[in-house]
Amino acid sequence: MLAGLGVTLYYIVRTHPLFGGSMGDAWFDIHPISCGVFGVPLGFMVIAIVSLLTPPPPLEVQALVDFVRMPDQGRKTLETENRL
């Protein structure tokens, strides 16, 4: 998310007249108000890459997330893991 925010802010500063920028620096002639068109896809790409490069969380954390999302089914998961 920070990568997308960074690109978005960079684009706004370079192209918006309020910050001294000009549309001459615009990428693909996209106005500063539409800068999310660059930040959002970049944010998703960075999230996907980081999630593929980092190890999964421990089973205890995964069980806790399951419990928070669905308390009835998460409790069954916790009980099953405690029996193992």
PDB file of N, CA and C in Angstrom:
ATOM      1  N   MET A   1       0.819  -1.185   0.000  1.00  0.00           N
ATOM      2  CA  MET A   1       0.000   0.000   0.000  1.00  0.00           C
ATOM      3  C   MET A   1       0.867   1.254   0.000  1.00  0.00           C
ATOM      4  N   LEU A   2       1.986   1.191   0.694  1.00  0.00           N
ATOM      5  CA  LEU A   2       2.874   2.356   0.724  1.00  0.00           C
ATOM      6  C   LEU A   2       3.483   2.628  -0.646  1.00  0.00           C
ATOM      7  N   ALA A   3       3.773   1.595  -1.388  1.00  0.00           N
ATOM      8  CA  ALA A   3       4.321   1.781  -2.736  1.00  0.00           C
ATOM      9  C   ALA A   3       3.303   2.494  -3.627  1.00  0.00           C
ATOM     10  N   GLY A   4       2.059   2.074  -3.580  1.00  0.00           N
ATOM     11  CA  GLY A   4       1.010   2.719  -4.359  1.00  0.00           C
ATOM     12  C   GLY A   4       0.790   4.152  -3.933  1.00  0.00           C
ATOM     13  N   LEU A   5       0.793   4.389  -2.626  1.00  0.00           N
ATOM     14  CA  LEU A   5       0.642   5.753  -2.120  1.00  0.00           C
ATOM     15  C   LEU A   5       1.802   6.624  -2.562  1.00  0.00           C
ATOM     16  N   GLY A   6       3.007   6.075  -2.514  1.00  0.00           N
ATOM     17  CA  GLY A   6       4.183   6.837  -2.935  1.00  0.00           C
ATOM     18  C   GLY A   6       4.123   7.249  -4.395  1.00  0.00           C
ATOM     19  N   VAL A   7       3.751   6.326  -5.262  1.00  0.00           N
ATOM     20  CA  VAL A   7       3.642   6.647  -6.689  1.00  0.00           C
ATOM     21  C   VAL A   7       2.536   7.666  -6.919  1.00  0.00           C
ATOM     22  N   THR A   8       1.430   7.514  -6.218  1.00  0.00           N
ATOM     23  CA  THR A   8       0.318   8.444  -6.361  1.00  0.00           C
ATOM     24  C   THR A   8       0.721   9.855  -5.940  1.00  0.00           C
ATOM     25  N   LEU A   9       1.358   9.977  -4.785  1.00  0.00           N
ATOM     26  CA  LEU A   9       1.796  11.301  -4.318  1.00  0.00           C
ATOM     27  C   LEU A   9       2.855  11.897  -5.244  1.00  0.00           C
ATOM     28  N   TYR A  10       3.768  11.080  -5.704  1.00  0.00           N
ATOM     29  CA  TYR A  10       4.794  11.547  -6.636  1.00  0.00           C
ATOM     30  C   TYR A  10       4.152  12.108  -7.902  1.00  0.00           C
ATOM     31  N   TYR A  11       3.177  11.384  -8.429  1.00  0.00           N
ATOM     32  CA  TYR A  11       2.510  11.816  -9.657  1.00  0.00           C
ATOM     33  C   TYR A  11       1.749  13.117  -9.434  1.00  0.00           C
ATOM     34  N   ILE A  12       1.077  13.226  -8.313  1.00  0.00           N
ATOM     35  CA  ILE A  12       0.335  14.460  -8.026  1.00  0.00           C
ATOM     36  C   ILE A  12       1.279  15.652  -7.944  1.00  0.00           C
ATOM     37  N   VAL A  13       2.374  15.490  -7.225  1.00  0.00           N
ATOM     38  CA  VAL A  13       3.315  16.605  -7.061  1.00  0.00           C
ATOM     39  C   VAL A  13       3.922  17.005  -8.398  1.00  0.00           C
ATOM     40  N   ARG A  14       4.196  16.053  -9.264  1.00  0.00           N
ATOM     41  CA  ARG A  14       4.818  16.369 -10.566  1.00  0.00           C
ATOM     42  C   ARG A  14       3.848  16.972 -11.573  1.00  0.00           C
ATOM     43  N   THR A  15       2.546  16.705 -11.426  1.00  0.00           N
ATOM     44  CA  THR A  15       1.617  17.139 -12.465  1.00  0.00           C
ATOM     45  C   THR A  15       0.603  18.189 -12.027  1.00  0.00           C
ATOM     46  N   HIS A  16       0.370  18.367 -10.750  1.00  0.00           N
ATOM     47  CA  HIS A  16      -0.666  19.306 -10.307  1.00  0.00           C
ATOM     48  C   HIS A  16      -0.090  20.712 -10.208  1.00  0.00           C
ATOM     49  N   PRO A  17      -0.771  21.697 -10.785  1.00  0.00           N
ATOM     50  CA  PRO A  17      -0.269  23.080 -10.756  1.00  0.00           C
ATOM     51  C   PRO A  17      -0.143  23.648  -9.343  1.00  0.00           C
ATOM     52  N   LEU A  18      -0.952  23.179  -8.416  1.00  0.00           N
ATOM     53  CA  LEU A  18      -0.879  23.651  -7.036  1.00  0.00           C
ATOM     54  C   LEU A  18       0.493  23.392  -6.423  1.00  0.00           C
ATOM     55  N   PHE A  19       1.140  22.307  -6.824  1.00  0.00           N
ATOM     56  CA  PHE A  19       2.459  21.946  -6.298  1.00  0.00           C
ATOM     57  C   PHE A  19       3.587  22.345  -7.242  1.00  0.00           C
ATOM     58  N   GLY A  20       3.284  23.140  -8.240  1.00  0.00           N
ATOM     59  CA  GLY A  20       4.298  23.602  -9.175  1.00  0.00           C
ATOM     60  C   GLY A  20       4.541  22.658 -10.340  1.00  0.00           C
ATOM     61  N   GLY A  21       3.740  21.644 -10.472  1.00  0.00           N
ATOM     62  CA  GLY A  21       3.893  20.699 -11.576  1.00  0.00           C
ATOM     63  C   GLY A  21       3.155  21.170 -12.810  1.00  0.00           C
ATOM     64  N   SER A  22       3.294  20.402 -13.856  1.00  0.00           N
ATOM     65  CA  SER A  22       2.587  20.742 -15.092  1.00  0.00           C
ATOM     66  C   SER A  22       2.154  19.461 -15.789  1.00  0.00           C
ATOM     67  N   MET A  23       1.151  19.596 -16.635  1.00  0.00           N
ATOM     68  CA  MET A  23       0.660  18.444 -17.388  1.00  0.00           C
ATOM     69  C   MET A  23       1.668  17.988 -18.438  1.00  0.00           C
ATOM     70  N   GLY A  24       2.718  18.772 -18.656  1.00  0.00           N
ATOM     71  CA  GLY A  24       3.767  18.339 -19.559  1.00  0.00           C
ATOM     72  C   GLY A  24       4.515  17.127 -19.023  1.00  0.00           C
ATOM     73  N   ASP A  25       4.456  16.936 -17.688  1.00  0.00           N
ATOM     74  CA  ASP A  25       5.099  15.784 -17.047  1.00  0.00           C
ATOM     75  C   ASP A  25       4.144  14.602 -16.875  1.00  0.00           C
ATOM     76  N   ALA A  26       2.921  14.724 -17.371  1.00  0.00           N
ATOM     77  CA  ALA A  26       1.907  13.688 -17.171  1.00  0.00           C
ATOM     78  C   ALA A  26       2.257  12.420 -17.937  1.00  0.00           C
ATOM     79  N   TRP A  27       1.947  11.299 -17.321  1.00  0.00           N
ATOM     80  CA  TRP A  27       2.134  10.000 -17.955  1.00  0.00           C
ATOM     81  C   TRP A  27       0.842   9.669 -18.708  1.00  0.00           C
ATOM     82  N   PHE A  28       0.932   9.374 -19.977  1.00  0.00           N
ATOM     83  CA  PHE A  28      -0.212   8.998 -20.813  1.00  0.00           C
ATOM     84  C   PHE A  28      -1.313  10.062 -20.793  1.00  0.00           C
ATOM     85  N   ASP A  29      -0.960  11.312 -20.560  1.00  0.00           N
ATOM     86  CA  ASP A  29      -1.901  12.440 -20.504  1.00  0.00           C
ATOM     87  C   ASP A  29      -3.022  12.242 -19.486  1.00  0.00           C
ATOM     88  N   ILE A  30      -2.717  11.579 -18.387  1.00  0.00           N
ATOM     89  CA  ILE A  30      -3.711  11.357 -17.330  1.00  0.00           C
ATOM     90  C   ILE A  30      -3.609  12.499 -16.327  1.00  0.00           C
ATOM     91  N   HIS A  31      -4.744  13.104 -16.013  1.00  0.00           N
ATOM     92  CA  HIS A  31      -4.797  14.238 -15.099  1.00  0.00           C
ATOM     93  C   HIS A  31      -4.488  13.808 -13.664  1.00  0.00           C
ATOM     94  N   PRO A  32      -3.998  14.741 -12.843  1.00  0.00           N
ATOM     95  CA  PRO A  32      -3.628  14.405 -11.467  1.00  0.00           C
ATOM     96  C   PRO A  32      -4.774  13.820 -10.641  1.00  0.00           C
ATOM     97  N   ILE A  33      -6.002  14.207 -10.933  1.00  0.00           N
ATOM     98  CA  ILE A  33      -7.137  13.687 -10.170  1.00  0.00           C
ATOM     99  C   ILE A  33      -7.297  12.178 -10.356  1.00  0.00           C
ATOM    100  N   SER A  34      -6.761  11.647 -11.432  1.00  0.00           N
ATOM    101  CA  SER A  34      -6.888  10.217 -11.730  1.00  0.00           C
ATOM    102  C   SER A  34      -5.610   9.443 -11.428  1.00  0.00           C
ATOM    103  N   CYS A  35      -4.796   9.957 -10.538  1.00  0.00           N
ATOM    104  CA  CYS A  35      -3.488   9.343 -10.271  1.00  0.00           C
ATOM    105  C   CYS A  35      -3.593   7.941  -9.662  1.00  0.00           C
ATOM    106  N   GLY A  36      -4.745   7.597  -9.118  1.00  0.00           N
ATOM    107  CA  GLY A  36      -4.920   6.258  -8.566  1.00  0.00           C
ATOM    108  C   GLY A  36      -4.792   5.161  -9.609  1.00  0.00           C
ATOM    109  N   VAL A  37      -4.917   5.533 -10.874  1.00  0.00           N
ATOM    110  CA  VAL A  37      -4.786   4.548 -11.943  1.00  0.00           C
ATOM    111  C   VAL A  37      -3.370   3.951 -11.958  1.00  0.00           C
ATOM    112  N   PHE A  38      -2.412   4.647 -11.382  1.00  0.00           N
ATOM    113  CA  PHE A  38      -1.048   4.118 -11.272  1.00  0.00           C
ATOM    114  C   PHE A  38      -0.801   3.493  -9.897  1.00  0.00           C
ATOM    115  N   GLY A  39      -1.317   4.118  -8.851  1.00  0.00           N
ATOM    116  CA  GLY A  39      -1.041   3.655  -7.492  1.00  0.00           C
ATOM    117  C   GLY A  39      -1.729   2.366  -7.113  1.00  0.00           C
ATOM    118  N   VAL A  40      -2.978   2.208  -7.502  1.00  0.00           N
ATOM    119  CA  VAL A  40      -3.733   1.011  -7.108  1.00  0.00           C
ATOM    120  C   VAL A  40      -3.149  -0.264  -7.712  1.00  0.00           C
ATOM    121  N   PRO A  41      -2.892  -0.322  -9.027  1.00  0.00           N
ATOM    122  CA  PRO A  41      -2.287  -1.556  -9.557  1.00  0.00           C
ATOM    123  C   PRO A  41      -0.913  -1.852  -8.975  1.00  0.00           C
ATOM    124  N   LEU A  42      -0.119  -0.796  -8.756  1.00  0.00           N
ATOM    125  CA  LEU A  42       1.195  -1.020  -8.157  1.00  0.00           C
ATOM    126  C   LEU A  42       1.065  -1.587  -6.751  1.00  0.00           C
ATOM    127  N   GLY A  43       0.125  -1.059  -5.985  1.00  0.00           N
ATOM    128  CA  GLY A  43      -0.103  -1.588  -4.637  1.00  0.00           C
ATOM    129  C   GLY A  43      -0.472  -3.053  -4.653  1.00  0.00           C
ATOM    130  N   PHE A  44      -1.369  -3.442  -5.567  1.00  0.00           N
ATOM    131  CA  PHE A  44      -1.748  -4.849  -5.675  1.00  0.00           C
ATOM    132  C   PHE A  44      -0.572  -5.723  -6.098  1.00  0.00           C
ATOM    133  N   MET A  45       0.227  -5.233  -7.034  1.00  0.00           N
ATOM    134  CA  MET A  45       1.393  -6.022  -7.478  1.00  0.00           C
ATOM    135  C   MET A  45       2.387  -6.221  -6.344  1.00  0.00           C
ATOM    136  N   VAL A  46       2.658  -5.185  -5.576  1.00  0.00           N
ATOM    137  CA  VAL A  46       3.608  -5.302  -4.464  1.00  0.00           C
ATOM    138  C   VAL A  46       3.061  -6.253  -3.402  1.00  0.00           C
ATOM    139  N   ILE A  47       1.768  -6.174  -3.108  1.00  0.00           N
ATOM    140  CA  ILE A  47       1.164  -7.098  -2.141  1.00  0.00           C
ATOM    141  C   ILE A  47       1.335  -8.541  -2.603  1.00  0.00           C
ATOM    142  N   ALA A  48       1.073  -8.818  -3.877  1.00  0.00           N
ATOM    143  CA  ALA A  48       1.193 -10.179  -4.399  1.00  0.00           C
ATOM    144  C   ALA A  48       2.635 -10.666  -4.338  1.00  0.00           C
ATOM    145  N   ILE A  49       3.569  -9.822  -4.725  1.00  0.00           N
ATOM    146  CA  ILE A  49       4.981 -10.222  -4.733  1.00  0.00           C
ATOM    147  C   ILE A  49       5.487 -10.478  -3.316  1.00  0.00           C
ATOM    148  N   VAL A  50       5.160  -9.590  -2.395  1.00  0.00           N
ATOM    149  CA  VAL A  50       5.620  -9.764  -1.007  1.00  0.00           C
ATOM    150  C   VAL A  50       4.997 -11.010  -0.389  1.00  0.00           C
ATOM    151  N   SER A  51       3.718 -11.266  -0.665  1.00  0.00           N
ATOM    152  CA  SER A  51       3.091 -12.457  -0.087  1.00  0.00           C
ATOM    153  C   SER A  51       3.699 -13.741  -0.657  1.00  0.00           C
ATOM    154  N   LEU A  52       4.160 -13.712  -1.902  1.00  0.00           N
ATOM    155  CA  LEU A  52       4.812 -14.898  -2.476  1.00  0.00           C
ATOM    156  C   LEU A  52       6.232 -15.085  -1.957  1.00  0.00           C
ATOM    157  N   LEU A  53       6.905 -14.006  -1.580  1.00  0.00           N
ATOM    158  CA  LEU A  53       8.291 -14.094  -1.141  1.00  0.00           C
ATOM    159  C   LEU A  53       8.459 -14.315   0.360  1.00  0.00           C
ATOM    160  N   THR A  54       7.401 -14.148   1.141  1.00  0.00           N
ATOM    161  CA  THR A  54       7.502 -14.325   2.592  1.00  0.00           C
ATOM    162  C   THR A  54       6.859 -15.649   2.994  1.00  0.00           C
ATOM    163  N   PRO A  55       7.354 -16.250   4.077  1.00  0.00           N
ATOM    164  CA  PRO A  55       6.779 -17.522   4.522  1.00  0.00           C
ATOM    165  C   PRO A  55       5.381 -17.311   5.117  1.00  0.00           C
ATOM    166  N   PRO A  56       4.563 -18.357   5.108  1.00  0.00           N
ATOM    167  CA  PRO A  56       3.229 -18.231   5.713  1.00  0.00           C
ATOM    168  C   PRO A  56       3.352 -18.084   7.231  1.00  0.00           C
ATOM    169  N   PRO A  57       2.336 -17.511   7.865  1.00  0.00           N
ATOM    170  CA  PRO A  57       2.383 -17.365   9.320  1.00  0.00           C
ATOM    171  C   PRO A  57       2.267 -18.733   9.997  1.00  0.00           C
ATOM    172  N   PRO A  58       2.674 -18.813  11.267  1.00  0.00           N
ATOM    173  CA  PRO A  58       2.563 -20.083  11.995  1.00  0.00           C
ATOM    174  C   PRO A  58       1.103 -20.554  12.081  1.00  0.00           C
ATOM    175  N   LEU A  59       0.923 -21.835  12.332  1.00  0.00           N
ATOM    176  CA  LEU A  59      -0.423 -22.412  12.409  1.00  0.00           C
ATOM    177  C   LEU A  59      -1.268 -21.762  13.495  1.00  0.00           C
ATOM    178  N   GLU A  60      -0.639 -21.356  14.599  1.00  0.00           N
ATOM    179  CA  GLU A  60      -1.384 -20.714  15.678  1.00  0.00           C
ATOM    180  C   GLU A  60      -2.012 -19.405  15.198  1.00  0.00           C
ATOM    181  N   VAL A  61      -1.270 -18.648  14.419  1.00  0.00           N
ATOM    182  CA  VAL A  61      -1.775 -17.381  13.899  1.00  0.00           C
ATOM    183  C   VAL A  61      -2.883 -17.633  12.886  1.00  0.00           C
ATOM    184  N   GLN A  62      -2.708 -18.628  12.036  1.00  0.00           N
ATOM    185  CA  GLN A  62      -3.739 -18.959  11.062  1.00  0.00           C
ATOM    186  C   GLN A  62      -5.027 -19.396  11.763  1.00  0.00           C
ATOM    187  N   ALA A  63      -4.884 -20.179  12.847  1.00  0.00           N
ATOM    188  CA  ALA A  63      -6.051 -20.617  13.607  1.00  0.00           C
ATOM    189  C   ALA A  63      -6.734 -19.425  14.273  1.00  0.00           C
ATOM    190  N   LEU A  64      -5.962 -18.481  14.774  1.00  0.00           N
ATOM    191  CA  LEU A  64      -6.543 -17.289  15.388  1.00  0.00           C
ATOM    192  C   LEU A  64      -7.322 -16.474  14.364  1.00  0.00           C
ATOM    193  N   VAL A  65      -6.772 -16.316  13.166  1.00  0.00           N
ATOM    194  CA  VAL A  65      -7.471 -15.580  12.108  1.00  0.00           C
ATOM    195  C   VAL A  65      -8.763 -16.302  11.739  1.00  0.00           C
ATOM    196  N   ASP A  66      -8.717 -17.622  11.630  1.00  0.00           N
ATOM    197  CA  ASP A  66      -9.937 -18.388  11.344  1.00  0.00           C
ATOM    198  C   ASP A  66     -10.972 -18.190  12.441  1.00  0.00           C
ATOM    199  N   PHE A  67     -10.518 -18.173  13.686  1.00  0.00           N
ATOM    200  CA  PHE A  67     -11.432 -17.991  14.814  1.00  0.00           C
ATOM    201  C   PHE A  67     -12.066 -16.601  14.797  1.00  0.00           C
ATOM    202  N   VAL A  68     -11.282 -15.582  14.467  1.00  0.00           N
ATOM    203  CA  VAL A  68     -11.818 -14.221  14.417  1.00  0.00           C
ATOM    204  C   VAL A  68     -12.823 -14.080  13.280  1.00  0.00           C
ATOM    205  N   ARG A  69     -12.543 -14.710  12.141  1.00  0.00           N
ATOM    206  CA  ARG A  69     -13.450 -14.612  10.995  1.00  0.00           C
ATOM    207  C   ARG A  69     -14.742 -15.379  11.223  1.00  0.00           C
ATOM    208  N   MET A  70     -14.619 -16.611  11.723  1.00  0.00           N
ATOM    209  CA  MET A  70     -15.792 -17.467  11.935  1.00  0.00           C
ATOM    210  C   MET A  70     -15.636 -18.147  13.293  1.00  0.00           C
ATOM    211  N   PRO A  71     -16.157 -17.545  14.362  1.00  0.00           N
ATOM    212  CA  PRO A  71     -15.923 -18.081  15.710  1.00  0.00           C
ATOM    213  C   PRO A  71     -16.354 -19.534  15.888  1.00  0.00           C
ATOM    214  N   ASP A  72     -17.475 -19.950  15.320  1.00  0.00           N
ATOM    215  CA  ASP A  72     -17.924 -21.335  15.510  1.00  0.00           C
ATOM    216  C   ASP A  72     -16.997 -22.316  14.825  1.00  0.00           C
ATOM    217  N   GLN A  73     -16.621 -22.054  13.590  1.00  0.00           N
ATOM    218  CA  GLN A  73     -15.735 -22.957  12.858  1.00  0.00           C
ATOM    219  C   GLN A  73     -14.301 -22.817  13.348  1.00  0.00           C
ATOM    220  N   GLY A  74     -13.898 -21.618  13.737  1.00  0.00           N
ATOM    221  CA  GLY A  74     -12.541 -21.417  14.252  1.00  0.00           C
ATOM    222  C   GLY A  74     -12.309 -22.176  15.535  1.00  0.00           C
ATOM    223  N   ARG A  75     -13.351 -22.281  16.386  1.00  0.00           N
ATOM    224  CA  ARG A  75     -13.225 -23.025  17.632  1.00  0.00           C
ATOM    225  C   ARG A  75     -12.979 -24.499  17.338  1.00  0.00           C
ATOM    226  N   LYS A  76     -13.653 -25.016  16.315  1.00  0.00           N
ATOM    227  CA  LYS A  76     -13.438 -26.411  15.927  1.00  0.00           C
ATOM    228  C   LYS A  76     -12.003 -26.614  15.453  1.00  0.00           C
ATOM    229  N   THR A  77     -11.466 -25.637  14.716  1.00  0.00           N
ATOM    230  CA  THR A  77     -10.085 -25.740  14.236  1.00  0.00           C
ATOM    231  C   THR A  77      -9.120 -25.750  15.418  1.00  0.00           C
ATOM    232  N   LEU A  78      -9.344 -24.868  16.387  1.00  0.00           N
ATOM    233  CA  LEU A  78      -8.478 -24.822  17.567  1.00  0.00           C
ATOM    234  C   LEU A  78      -8.536 -26.132  18.338  1.00  0.00           C
ATOM    235  N   GLU A  79      -9.746 -26.685  18.508  1.00  0.00           N
ATOM    236  CA  GLU A  79      -9.880 -27.947  19.227  1.00  0.00           C
ATOM    237  C   GLU A  79      -9.177 -29.073  18.485  1.00  0.00           C
ATOM    238  N   THR A  80      -9.273 -29.105  17.170  1.00  0.00           N
ATOM    239  CA  THR A  80      -8.625 -30.139  16.365  1.00  0.00           C
ATOM    240  C   THR A  80      -7.114 -30.041  16.506  1.00  0.00           C
ATOM    241  N   GLU A  81      -6.562 -28.824  16.471  1.00  0.00           N
ATOM    242  CA  GLU A  81      -5.111 -28.662  16.589  1.00  0.00           C
ATOM    243  C   GLU A  81      -4.629 -29.033  17.981  1.00  0.00           C
ATOM    244  N   ASN A  82      -5.420 -28.792  19.016  1.00  0.00           N
ATOM    245  CA  ASN A  82      -5.005 -29.118  20.370  1.00  0.00           C
ATOM    246  C   ASN A  82      -4.982 -30.621  20.594  1.00  0.00           C
ATOM    247  N   ARG A  83      -5.792 -31.360  19.848  1.00  0.00           N
ATOM    248  CA  ARG A  83      -5.808 -32.813  19.973  1.00  0.00           C
ATOM    249  C   ARG A  83      -4.602 -33.442  19.297  1.00  0.00           C
ATOM    250  N   LEU A  84      -4.053 -32.766  18.303  1.00  0.00           N
ATOM    251  CA  LEU A  84      -2.919 -33.328  17.550  1.00  0.00           C
ATOM    252  C   LEU A  84      -1.687 -33.259  18.320  1.00  0.00           C
TER     253      LEU A  84
END
